[in-house]
Amino acid sequence: MEILIIRHGQAVDDAPDLGDAGRWLTGKGRKVTRRVARWLARREGRRPAAVWTSPLVRAVQTAEIIAEAAELTDEVSVVAALSPSRDTAEILRLLSQYQGAQPLALVGHEPSLSALLTALVGDVGWTGLKKSGVVAVSWDGRGPGALRFVLDRKAMKAVSPLKEAQH
C-alpha cells in the first residue's frame, strides 16, 4: 500500500476557550498547505485517493485542503488513532486492514507521525516532519516498508528520503 504521511499546517498558538484541539490553521498555514496539496495532486502516483485525519481542528482543515486539491468526492475520514499521543499500534492495525484506494493520506501531528514512520520502516535516523511536510511510504502490511520520498517544501520536489533524514 502507498501511504502519504502529512503533518498539519501551521496553526495559531492559542485558541482561547477551545484548548489545543481547537487550534486552527493560520493564513500562512493554509497557504503552504494549499501549495503542498497542489503538488501532491499533480501526479497520479502521489495524488491521494483517500484521506484520514486526526480529529483536531488544524489536522481536519489540512486534510480538507488536501482532499479538495485531489478532487476527492468522498468525505475525509476522521480517525481517532491519528490523535496526538495515541498508541501507534492502533493506526498500524487500521492500516493493515485497509483495502481502499491508494495512495492513502494520513494527516496528523508530531511526534506521533515520526513514531508511525519508524514503526513502518524502522529507524532510519528520521528527525521529524515540518508543518505541512510529507513523507511517502510503501508498505505491504506485514514487514518493514520502504521510504519513497520526502517533500522538500522550499523546492517543492521529492527528494531522497535518506538524504533528508540525515539533515
Protein backbone atom coordinates (compact mmCIF):
# COMPACT_ATOMS: atom_id res chain seq x y z
CA MET A 1 0.00 0.00 0.00
CA GLU A 2 1.09 3.56 -0.66
CA ILE A 3 0.86 5.88 2.34
CA LEU A 4 1.38 9.65 2.45
CA ILE A 5 2.16 10.82 5.97
CA ILE A 6 1.35 14.53 6.25
CA ARG A 7 1.80 16.87 9.19
CA HIS A 8 -0.87 19.54 9.67
CA GLY A 9 -0.13 23.09 8.57
CA GLN A 10 0.96 25.94 10.80
CA ALA A 11 -1.71 26.71 13.41
CA VAL A 12 -2.41 29.55 15.81
CA ASP A 13 -0.51 29.26 19.08
CA ASP A 14 -3.54 29.76 21.28
CA ALA A 15 -7.27 29.17 20.85
CA PRO A 16 -8.94 30.78 23.87
CA ASP A 17 -11.69 28.61 25.35
CA LEU A 18 -11.04 25.88 22.74
CA GLY A 19 -7.83 24.33 24.03
CA ASP A 20 -5.20 22.61 21.94
CA ALA A 21 -7.76 20.59 19.97
CA GLY A 22 -9.46 23.77 18.76
CA ARG A 23 -6.38 25.47 17.29
CA TRP A 24 -6.94 26.34 13.62
CA LEU A 25 -4.64 26.96 10.66
CA THR A 26 -3.10 30.38 10.25
CA GLY A 27 -3.25 32.18 6.91
CA LYS A 28 0.33 31.05 6.25
CA GLY A 29 -0.59 27.51 7.26
CA ARG A 30 -3.44 27.45 4.74
CA LYS A 31 -1.24 28.97 2.01
CA VAL A 32 1.61 26.47 2.45
CA THR A 33 -0.81 23.55 2.77
CA ARG A 34 -2.57 24.56 -0.46
CA ARG A 35 0.79 24.64 -2.24
CA VAL A 36 1.68 21.18 -0.92
CA ALA A 37 -1.78 19.86 -1.81
CA ARG A 38 -1.48 21.11 -5.40
CA TRP A 39 1.96 19.49 -5.67
CA LEU A 40 0.58 16.15 -4.45
CA ALA A 41 -2.42 16.33 -6.77
CA ARG A 42 -0.35 16.95 -9.91
CA ARG A 43 0.94 13.37 -10.20
CA GLU A 44 -1.08 10.17 -10.21
CA GLY A 45 1.37 8.23 -8.02
CA ARG A 46 1.24 10.78 -5.23
CA ARG A 47 -2.32 12.13 -5.57
CA PRO A 48 -4.26 10.96 -2.50
CA ALA A 49 -7.19 8.69 -3.29
CA ALA A 50 -8.42 8.79 0.32
CA VAL A 51 -7.64 10.93 3.37
CA TRP A 52 -7.68 10.00 7.07
CA THR A 53 -7.17 12.73 9.64
CA SER A 54 -6.80 13.36 13.34
CA PRO A 55 -9.94 14.94 14.81
CA LEU A 56 -8.09 18.10 15.90
CA VAL A 57 -9.22 21.21 14.00
CA ARG A 58 -5.85 22.04 12.41
CA ALA A 59 -5.49 18.49 11.07
CA VAL A 60 -9.06 18.39 9.73
CA GLN A 61 -8.52 21.73 7.96
CA THR A 62 -5.27 20.42 6.45
CA ALA A 63 -6.99 17.20 5.35
CA GLU A 64 -9.82 19.14 3.71
CA ILE A 65 -7.34 21.23 1.71
CA ILE A 66 -5.53 18.04 0.59
CA ALA A 67 -8.81 16.36 -0.39
CA GLU A 68 -10.06 19.39 -2.30
CA ALA A 69 -6.85 19.68 -4.35
CA ALA A 70 -7.05 15.96 -5.16
CA GLU A 71 -10.69 16.47 -6.22
CA LEU A 72 -11.89 13.75 -3.88
CA THR A 73 -15.64 13.35 -3.67
CA ASP A 74 -15.69 11.10 -0.60
CA GLU A 75 -15.62 12.52 2.90
CA VAL A 76 -12.36 12.97 4.74
CA SER A 77 -12.33 10.23 7.40
CA VAL A 78 -11.70 11.34 10.97
CA VAL A 79 -9.65 8.61 12.68
CA ALA A 80 -9.14 8.91 16.44
CA ALA A 81 -5.98 6.79 16.24
CA LEU A 82 -4.28 9.76 14.49
CA SER A 83 -4.82 11.96 17.55
CA PRO A 84 -1.68 13.09 19.38
CA SER A 85 -0.17 10.64 21.86
CA ARG A 86 -2.21 7.64 20.70
CA ASP A 87 -0.64 4.19 20.54
CA THR A 88 0.99 3.65 17.14
CA ALA A 89 -0.29 0.06 17.18
CA GLU A 90 -3.85 1.41 16.72
CA ILE A 91 -3.09 3.06 13.39
CA LEU A 92 -0.92 0.14 12.23
CA ARG A 93 -3.85 -2.21 12.87
CA LEU A 94 -6.18 0.04 10.86
CA LEU A 95 -3.67 0.34 8.03
CA SER A 96 -3.16 -3.43 7.87
CA GLN A 97 -6.92 -3.86 7.41
CA TYR A 98 -7.32 -1.08 4.86
CA GLN A 99 -8.49 -2.27 1.45
CA GLY A 100 -9.40 1.08 -0.10
CA ALA A 101 -7.96 3.27 -2.81
CA GLN A 102 -4.35 4.39 -2.70
CA PRO A 103 -2.35 6.45 -2.01
CA LEU A 104 -3.88 6.89 1.42
CA ALA A 105 -3.05 10.22 3.06
CA LEU A 106 -2.74 10.31 6.85
CA VAL A 107 -2.88 13.78 8.41
CA GLY A 108 -1.72 14.15 11.98
CA HIS A 109 0.78 15.51 14.47
CA GLU A 110 4.36 15.21 15.63
CA PRO A 111 5.87 13.30 17.33
CA SER A 112 3.17 10.69 16.64
CA LEU A 113 3.78 10.74 12.87
CA SER A 114 7.50 10.12 13.34
CA ALA A 115 6.69 7.20 15.65
CA LEU A 116 4.39 5.82 12.95
CA LEU A 117 7.07 6.23 10.29
CA THR A 118 9.59 4.40 12.48
CA ALA A 119 7.07 1.61 13.06
CA LEU A 120 6.51 1.30 9.30
CA VAL A 121 10.11 1.46 8.02
CA GLY A 122 12.40 1.07 11.03
CA ASP A 123 14.91 3.52 12.45
CA VAL A 124 16.36 5.48 9.54
CA GLY A 125 17.53 8.47 11.55
CA TRP A 126 14.35 10.41 10.83
CA THR A 127 14.29 13.82 12.50
CA GLY A 128 10.58 14.61 12.07
CA LEU A 129 8.15 16.33 9.74
CA LYS A 130 7.93 20.08 9.43
CA LYS A 131 4.46 21.64 9.33
CA SER A 132 2.72 20.74 6.04
CA GLY A 133 5.50 18.20 5.47
CA VAL A 134 5.00 14.97 3.54
CA VAL A 135 6.78 11.63 3.53
CA ALA A 136 5.68 8.72 1.32
CA VAL A 137 5.97 5.05 2.31
CA SER A 138 5.25 1.78 0.52
CA TRP A 139 4.11 -0.90 2.98
CA ASP A 140 2.81 -4.42 2.40
CA GLY A 141 1.03 -4.64 5.76
CA ARG A 142 3.46 -7.11 7.30
CA GLY A 143 7.16 -6.34 7.34
CA PRO A 144 9.18 -3.17 7.08
CA GLY A 145 8.05 -0.70 4.46
CA ALA A 146 10.16 1.45 2.16
CA LEU A 147 10.54 5.20 2.17
CA ARG A 148 9.59 6.51 -1.28
CA PHE A 149 10.21 10.23 -0.95
CA VAL A 150 10.20 13.24 1.33
CA LEU A 151 8.81 16.53 0.07
CA ASP A 152 11.31 19.40 0.10
CA ARG A 153 8.76 22.16 0.69
CA LYS A 154 11.11 25.00 -0.31
CA ALA A 155 11.96 23.49 -3.71
CA MET A 156 8.58 21.70 -3.99
CA LYS A 157 10.16 18.47 -5.17
CA ALA A 158 10.54 14.92 -3.97
CA VAL A 159 13.96 14.21 -2.50
CA SER A 160 15.78 11.08 -1.45
CA PRO A 161 14.36 10.15 1.94
CA LEU A 162 17.69 9.04 3.33
CA LYS A 163 19.41 12.32 2.45
CA GLU A 164 16.54 14.25 4.03
CA ALA A 165 16.52 12.03 7.11
CA GLN A 166 20.19 12.80 7.75
CA HIS A 167 19.62 16.58 7.93
